[in-house]
Amino acid sequence: MGLTLGMLRPRRRMPLAGAVAVGIALTMVLWAASVIAHAISLGGGLSPWTAGAIPGLVSTLIAVAAFRRG
């Protein structure tokens, strides 16, 4: 959400293809965090509650970074 709001300025910083690439990259990062947390949870390294919270924490960190940058 923060990246989208950061791009809503009169002058576009990034072309449409770049925005799509950023969206795909963010989706892959969140998917990877989810898969890694799930695997660690199945291995017994994390509780299921903690592993379930990791993707949300990663997206929160990304949003905070986007709001600070924009």
PDB file of N, CA and C in Angstrom:
ATOM      1  N   MET A   1       0.821  -1.176   0.000  1.00  0.00           N
ATOM      2  CA  MET A   1       0.000   0.000   0.000  1.00  0.00           C
ATOM      3  C   MET A   1       0.875   1.255   0.000  1.00  0.00           C
ATOM      4  N   GLY A   2       1.932   1.226   0.795  1.00  0.00           N
ATOM      5  CA  GLY A   2       2.807   2.387   0.868  1.00  0.00           C
ATOM      6  C   GLY A   2       3.511   2.666  -0.447  1.00  0.00           C
ATOM      7  N   LEU A   3       3.910   1.614  -1.150  1.00  0.00           N
ATOM      8  CA  LEU A   3       4.555   1.819  -2.446  1.00  0.00           C
ATOM      9  C   LEU A   3       3.586   2.430  -3.440  1.00  0.00           C
ATOM     10  N   THR A   4       2.341   1.997  -3.388  1.00  0.00           N
ATOM     11  CA  THR A   4       1.343   2.556  -4.289  1.00  0.00           C
ATOM     12  C   THR A   4       1.095   4.026  -3.979  1.00  0.00           C
ATOM     13  N   LEU A   5       0.966   4.356  -2.701  1.00  0.00           N
ATOM     14  CA  LEU A   5       0.743   5.748  -2.333  1.00  0.00           C
ATOM     15  C   LEU A   5       1.948   6.617  -2.664  1.00  0.00           C
ATOM     16  N   GLY A   6       3.144   6.042  -2.590  1.00  0.00           N
ATOM     17  CA  GLY A   6       4.345   6.794  -2.931  1.00  0.00           C
ATOM     18  C   GLY A   6       4.430   7.129  -4.408  1.00  0.00           C
ATOM     19  N   MET A   7       3.768   6.337  -5.236  1.00  0.00           N
ATOM     20  CA  MET A   7       3.802   6.575  -6.673  1.00  0.00           C
ATOM     21  C   MET A   7       2.686   7.506  -7.139  1.00  0.00           C
ATOM     22  N   LEU A   8       1.787   7.922  -6.249  1.00  0.00           N
ATOM     23  CA  LEU A   8       0.667   8.774  -6.627  1.00  0.00           C
ATOM     24  C   LEU A   8       1.036  10.251  -6.573  1.00  0.00           C
ATOM     25  N   ARG A   9       2.066  10.606  -7.208  1.00  0.00           N
ATOM     26  CA  ARG A   9       2.484  12.004  -7.282  1.00  0.00           C
ATOM     27  C   ARG A   9       2.272  12.481  -8.710  1.00  0.00           C
ATOM     28  N   PRO A  10       2.245  13.783  -8.919  1.00  0.00           N
ATOM     29  CA  PRO A  10       2.017  14.286 -10.278  1.00  0.00           C
ATOM     30  C   PRO A  10       3.026  13.741 -11.290  1.00  0.00           C
ATOM     31  N   ARG A  11       4.268  13.626 -10.878  1.00  0.00           N
ATOM     32  CA  ARG A  11       5.290  13.082 -11.768  1.00  0.00           C
ATOM     33  C   ARG A  11       5.524  11.630 -11.382  1.00  0.00           C
ATOM     34  N   ARG A  12       5.381  10.747 -12.328  1.00  0.00           N
ATOM     35  CA  ARG A  12       5.586   9.339 -12.047  1.00  0.00           C
ATOM     36  C   ARG A  12       7.069   9.054 -11.902  1.00  0.00           C
ATOM     37  N   ARG A  13       7.401   8.372 -10.851  1.00  0.00           N
ATOM     38  CA  ARG A  13       8.796   7.997 -10.633  1.00  0.00           C
ATOM     39  C   ARG A  13       9.170   6.748 -11.402  1.00  0.00           C
ATOM     40  N   MET A  14       8.196   5.876 -11.604  1.00  0.00           N
ATOM     41  CA  MET A  14       8.492   4.579 -12.175  1.00  0.00           C
ATOM     42  C   MET A  14       7.480   4.282 -13.281  1.00  0.00           C
ATOM     43  N   PRO A  15       7.932   3.761 -14.401  1.00  0.00           N
ATOM     44  CA  PRO A  15       6.976   3.383 -15.449  1.00  0.00           C
ATOM     45  C   PRO A  15       6.128   2.188 -14.998  1.00  0.00           C
ATOM     46  N   LEU A  16       5.089   1.916 -15.732  1.00  0.00           N
ATOM     47  CA  LEU A  16       4.159   0.845 -15.370  1.00  0.00           C
ATOM     48  C   LEU A  16       4.858  -0.500 -15.269  1.00  0.00           C
ATOM     49  N   ALA A  17       5.749  -0.808 -16.178  1.00  0.00           N
ATOM     50  CA  ALA A  17       6.458  -2.093 -16.143  1.00  0.00           C
ATOM     51  C   ALA A  17       7.285  -2.223 -14.860  1.00  0.00           C
ATOM     52  N   GLY A  18       7.876  -1.133 -14.411  1.00  0.00           N
ATOM     53  CA  GLY A  18       8.645  -1.165 -13.169  1.00  0.00           C
ATOM     54  C   GLY A  18       7.755  -1.393 -11.968  1.00  0.00           C
ATOM     55  N   ALA A  19       6.577  -0.783 -11.973  1.00  0.00           N
ATOM     56  CA  ALA A  19       5.635  -0.975 -10.866  1.00  0.00           C
ATOM     57  C   ALA A  19       5.141  -2.417 -10.819  1.00  0.00           C
ATOM     58  N   VAL A  20       4.910  -3.001 -11.973  1.00  0.00           N
ATOM     59  CA  VAL A  20       4.500  -4.408 -12.027  1.00  0.00           C
ATOM     60  C   VAL A  20       5.625  -5.300 -11.522  1.00  0.00           C
ATOM     61  N   ALA A  21       6.851  -4.996 -11.903  1.00  0.00           N
ATOM     62  CA  ALA A  21       7.994  -5.783 -11.439  1.00  0.00           C
ATOM     63  C   ALA A  21       8.159  -5.687  -9.926  1.00  0.00           C
ATOM     64  N   VAL A  22       7.959  -4.500  -9.370  1.00  0.00           N
ATOM     65  CA  VAL A  22       8.041  -4.331  -7.908  1.00  0.00           C
ATOM     66  C   VAL A  22       6.944  -5.145  -7.232  1.00  0.00           C
ATOM     67  N   GLY A  23       5.754  -5.137  -7.788  1.00  0.00           N
ATOM     68  CA  GLY A  23       4.654  -5.914  -7.228  1.00  0.00           C
ATOM     69  C   GLY A  23       4.931  -7.402  -7.238  1.00  0.00           C
ATOM     70  N   ILE A  24       5.477  -7.896  -8.338  1.00  0.00           N
ATOM     71  CA  ILE A  24       5.822  -9.311  -8.435  1.00  0.00           C
ATOM     72  C   ILE A  24       6.933  -9.652  -7.453  1.00  0.00           C
ATOM     73  N   ALA A  25       7.929  -8.787  -7.335  1.00  0.00           N
ATOM     74  CA  ALA A  25       9.031  -9.032  -6.409  1.00  0.00           C
ATOM     75  C   ALA A  25       8.539  -9.060  -4.960  1.00  0.00           C
ATOM     76  N   LEU A  26       7.657  -8.137  -4.596  1.00  0.00           N
ATOM     77  CA  LEU A  26       7.114  -8.132  -3.233  1.00  0.00           C
ATOM     78  C   LEU A  26       6.289  -9.384  -2.963  1.00  0.00           C
ATOM     79  N   THR A  27       5.529  -9.821  -3.944  1.00  0.00           N
ATOM     80  CA  THR A  27       4.757 -11.056  -3.801  1.00  0.00           C
ATOM     81  C   THR A  27       5.679 -12.243  -3.587  1.00  0.00           C
ATOM     82  N   MET A  28       6.774 -12.295  -4.323  1.00  0.00           N
ATOM     83  CA  MET A  28       7.725 -13.400  -4.169  1.00  0.00           C
ATOM     84  C   MET A  28       8.404 -13.369  -2.806  1.00  0.00           C
ATOM     85  N   VAL A  29       8.717 -12.169  -2.300  1.00  0.00           N
ATOM     86  CA  VAL A  29       9.337 -12.054  -0.974  1.00  0.00           C
ATOM     87  C   VAL A  29       8.385 -12.550   0.103  1.00  0.00           C
ATOM     88  N   LEU A  30       7.129 -12.143   0.028  1.00  0.00           N
ATOM     89  CA  LEU A  30       6.155 -12.589   1.023  1.00  0.00           C
ATOM     90  C   LEU A  30       5.894 -14.090   0.915  1.00  0.00           C
ATOM     91  N   TRP A  31       5.838 -14.610  -0.292  1.00  0.00           N
ATOM     92  CA  TRP A  31       5.663 -16.043  -0.484  1.00  0.00           C
ATOM     93  C   TRP A  31       6.851 -16.809   0.084  1.00  0.00           C
ATOM     94  N   ALA A  32       8.064 -16.326  -0.174  1.00  0.00           N
ATOM     95  CA  ALA A  32       9.264 -16.998   0.341  1.00  0.00           C
ATOM     96  C   ALA A  32       9.286 -16.970   1.869  1.00  0.00           C
ATOM     97  N   ALA A  33       8.918 -15.849   2.470  1.00  0.00           N
ATOM     98  CA  ALA A  33       8.870 -15.771   3.936  1.00  0.00           C
ATOM     99  C   ALA A  33       7.861 -16.765   4.485  1.00  0.00           C
ATOM    100  N   SER A  34       6.737 -16.903   3.825  1.00  0.00           N
ATOM    101  CA  SER A  34       5.713 -17.838   4.268  1.00  0.00           C
ATOM    102  C   SER A  34       6.185 -19.286   4.158  1.00  0.00           C
ATOM    103  N   VAL A  35       6.800 -19.621   3.043  1.00  0.00           N
ATOM    104  CA  VAL A  35       7.263 -20.998   2.833  1.00  0.00           C
ATOM    105  C   VAL A  35       8.390 -21.345   3.803  1.00  0.00           C
ATOM    106  N   ILE A  36       9.320 -20.430   4.008  1.00  0.00           N
ATOM    107  CA  ILE A  36      10.435 -20.691   4.929  1.00  0.00           C
ATOM    108  C   ILE A  36       9.925 -20.832   6.360  1.00  0.00           C
ATOM    109  N   ALA A  37       9.021 -19.950   6.768  1.00  0.00           N
ATOM    110  CA  ALA A  37       8.465 -20.034   8.122  1.00  0.00           C
ATOM    111  C   ALA A  37       7.691 -21.342   8.311  1.00  0.00           C
ATOM    112  N   HIS A  38       6.966 -21.753   7.299  1.00  0.00           N
ATOM    113  CA  HIS A  38       6.219 -23.009   7.379  1.00  0.00           C
ATOM    114  C   HIS A  38       7.164 -24.197   7.505  1.00  0.00           C
ATOM    115  N   ALA A  39       8.228 -24.185   6.723  1.00  0.00           N
ATOM    116  CA  ALA A  39       9.193 -25.289   6.786  1.00  0.00           C
ATOM    117  C   ALA A  39       9.885 -25.358   8.147  1.00  0.00           C
ATOM    118  N   ILE A  40      10.245 -24.210   8.688  1.00  0.00           N
ATOM    119  CA  ILE A  40      10.880 -24.194  10.011  1.00  0.00           C
ATOM    120  C   ILE A  40       9.894 -24.667  11.075  1.00  0.00           C
ATOM    121  N   SER A  41       8.633 -24.301  10.919  1.00  0.00           N
ATOM    122  CA  SER A  41       7.613 -24.736  11.869  1.00  0.00           C
ATOM    123  C   SER A  41       7.411 -26.242  11.813  1.00  0.00           C
ATOM    124  N   LEU A  42       7.391 -26.797  10.609  1.00  0.00           N
ATOM    125  CA  LEU A  42       7.248 -28.250  10.480  1.00  0.00           C
ATOM    126  C   LEU A  42       8.454 -28.986  11.048  1.00  0.00           C
ATOM    127  N   GLY A  43       9.615 -28.359  10.977  1.00  0.00           N
ATOM    128  CA  GLY A  43      10.823 -28.965  11.535  1.00  0.00           C
ATOM    129  C   GLY A  43      10.918 -28.839  13.044  1.00  0.00           C
ATOM    130  N   GLY A  44      10.035 -28.072  13.649  1.00  0.00           N
ATOM    131  CA  GLY A  44      10.022 -27.928  15.092  1.00  0.00           C
ATOM    132  C   GLY A  44      10.813 -26.753  15.609  1.00  0.00           C
ATOM    133  N   GLY A  45      11.336 -25.927  14.745  1.00  0.00           N
ATOM    134  CA  GLY A  45      12.138 -24.788  15.165  1.00  0.00           C
ATOM    135  C   GLY A  45      11.318 -23.597  15.644  1.00  0.00           C
ATOM    136  N   LEU A  46      10.081 -23.499  15.186  1.00  0.00           N
ATOM    137  CA  LEU A  46       9.187 -22.395  15.568  1.00  0.00           C
ATOM    138  C   LEU A  46       7.823 -22.962  15.925  1.00  0.00           C
ATOM    139  N   SER A  47       7.124 -22.248  16.782  1.00  0.00           N
ATOM    140  CA  SER A  47       5.737 -22.632  17.044  1.00  0.00           C
ATOM    141  C   SER A  47       4.896 -22.217  15.833  1.00  0.00           C
ATOM    142  N   PRO A  48       3.782 -22.893  15.608  1.00  0.00           N
ATOM    143  CA  PRO A  48       2.935 -22.520  14.463  1.00  0.00           C
ATOM    144  C   PRO A  48       2.436 -21.074  14.532  1.00  0.00           C
ATOM    145  N   TRP A  49       2.171 -20.556  15.733  1.00  0.00           N
ATOM    146  CA  TRP A  49       1.709 -19.177  15.869  1.00  0.00           C
ATOM    147  C   TRP A  49       2.786 -18.198  15.425  1.00  0.00           C
ATOM    148  N   THR A  50       4.018 -18.464  15.803  1.00  0.00           N
ATOM    149  CA  THR A  50       5.119 -17.588  15.413  1.00  0.00           C
ATOM    150  C   THR A  50       5.351 -17.654  13.903  1.00  0.00           C
ATOM    151  N   ALA A  51       5.324 -18.870  13.367  1.00  0.00           N
ATOM    152  CA  ALA A  51       5.521 -19.030  11.924  1.00  0.00           C
ATOM    153  C   ALA A  51       4.416 -18.352  11.134  1.00  0.00           C
ATOM    154  N   GLY A  52       3.205 -18.364  11.652  1.00  0.00           N
ATOM    155  CA  GLY A  52       2.098 -17.697  10.976  1.00  0.00           C
ATOM    156  C   GLY A  52       2.211 -16.185  11.013  1.00  0.00           C
ATOM    157  N   ALA A  53       2.906 -15.666  12.014  1.00  0.00           N
ATOM    158  CA  ALA A  53       3.042 -14.212  12.144  1.00  0.00           C
ATOM    159  C   ALA A  53       4.170 -13.647  11.294  1.00  0.00           C
ATOM    160  N   ILE A  54       5.088 -14.466  10.860  1.00  0.00           N
ATOM    161  CA  ILE A  54       6.262 -13.981  10.126  1.00  0.00           C
ATOM    162  C   ILE A  54       5.891 -13.270   8.815  1.00  0.00           C
ATOM    163  N   PRO A  55       5.021 -13.820   7.954  1.00  0.00           N
ATOM    164  CA  PRO A  55       4.684 -13.076   6.731  1.00  0.00           C
ATOM    165  C   PRO A  55       4.051 -11.710   7.027  1.00  0.00           C
ATOM    166  N   GLY A  56       3.234 -11.623   8.051  1.00  0.00           N
ATOM    167  CA  GLY A  56       2.653 -10.341   8.430  1.00  0.00           C
ATOM    168  C   GLY A  56       3.699  -9.355   8.910  1.00  0.00           C
ATOM    169  N   LEU A  57       4.671  -9.851   9.659  1.00  0.00           N
ATOM    170  CA  LEU A  57       5.755  -8.982  10.120  1.00  0.00           C
ATOM    171  C   LEU A  57       6.617  -8.499   8.956  1.00  0.00           C
ATOM    172  N   VAL A  58       6.871  -9.384   8.005  1.00  0.00           N
ATOM    173  CA  VAL A  58       7.659  -8.992   6.831  1.00  0.00           C
ATOM    174  C   VAL A  58       6.923  -7.916   6.034  1.00  0.00           C
ATOM    175  N   SER A  59       5.613  -8.094   5.846  1.00  0.00           N
ATOM    176  CA  SER A  59       4.870  -7.079   5.092  1.00  0.00           C
ATOM    177  C   SER A  59       4.792  -5.762   5.867  1.00  0.00           C
ATOM    178  N   THR A  60       4.746  -5.841   7.194  1.00  0.00           N
ATOM    179  CA  THR A  60       4.763  -4.623   8.007  1.00  0.00           C
ATOM    180  C   THR A  60       6.086  -3.891   7.857  1.00  0.00           C
ATOM    181  N   LEU A  61       7.183  -4.615   7.863  1.00  0.00           N
ATOM    182  CA  LEU A  61       8.497  -3.996   7.681  1.00  0.00           C
ATOM    183  C   LEU A  61       8.618  -3.337   6.304  1.00  0.00           C
ATOM    184  N   ILE A  62       8.089  -3.994   5.283  1.00  0.00           N
ATOM    185  CA  ILE A  62       8.123  -3.428   3.936  1.00  0.00           C
ATOM    186  C   ILE A  62       7.282  -2.145   3.884  1.00  0.00           C
ATOM    187  N   ALA A  63       6.111  -2.173   4.524  1.00  0.00           N
ATOM    188  CA  ALA A  63       5.253  -0.980   4.527  1.00  0.00           C
ATOM    189  C   ALA A  63       5.901   0.175   5.281  1.00  0.00           C
ATOM    190  N   VAL A  64       6.527  -0.118   6.415  1.00  0.00           N
ATOM    191  CA  VAL A  64       7.207   0.938   7.180  1.00  0.00           C
ATOM    192  C   VAL A  64       8.338   1.546   6.361  1.00  0.00           C
ATOM    193  N   ALA A  65       9.098   0.696   5.686  1.00  0.00           N
ATOM    194  CA  ALA A  65      10.192   1.197   4.852  1.00  0.00           C
ATOM    195  C   ALA A  65       9.655   2.050   3.704  1.00  0.00           C
ATOM    196  N   ALA A  66       8.540   1.641   3.117  1.00  0.00           N
ATOM    197  CA  ALA A  66       7.959   2.410   2.009  1.00  0.00           C
ATOM    198  C   ALA A  66       7.435   3.758   2.486  1.00  0.00           C
ATOM    199  N   PHE A  67       6.797   3.792   3.655  1.00  0.00           N
ATOM    200  CA  PHE A  67       6.279   5.060   4.176  1.00  0.00           C
ATOM    201  C   PHE A  67       7.414   5.996   4.581  1.00  0.00           C
ATOM    202  N   ARG A  68       8.488   5.464   5.109  1.00  0.00           N
ATOM    203  CA  ARG A  68       9.620   6.314   5.477  1.00  0.00           C
ATOM    204  C   ARG A  68      10.316   6.887   4.253  1.00  0.00           C
ATOM    205  N   ARG A  69      10.384   6.082   3.208  1.00  0.00           N
ATOM    206  CA  ARG A  69      11.054   6.509   1.986  1.00  0.00           C
ATOM    207  C   ARG A  69      10.225   7.554   1.238  1.00  0.00           C
ATOM    208  N   GLY A  70       8.911   7.378   1.255  1.00  0.00           N
ATOM    209  CA  GLY A  70       8.033   8.256   0.485  1.00  0.00           C
ATOM    210  C   GLY A  70       7.668   9.442   1.243  1.00  0.00           C
TER     211      GLY A  70
END
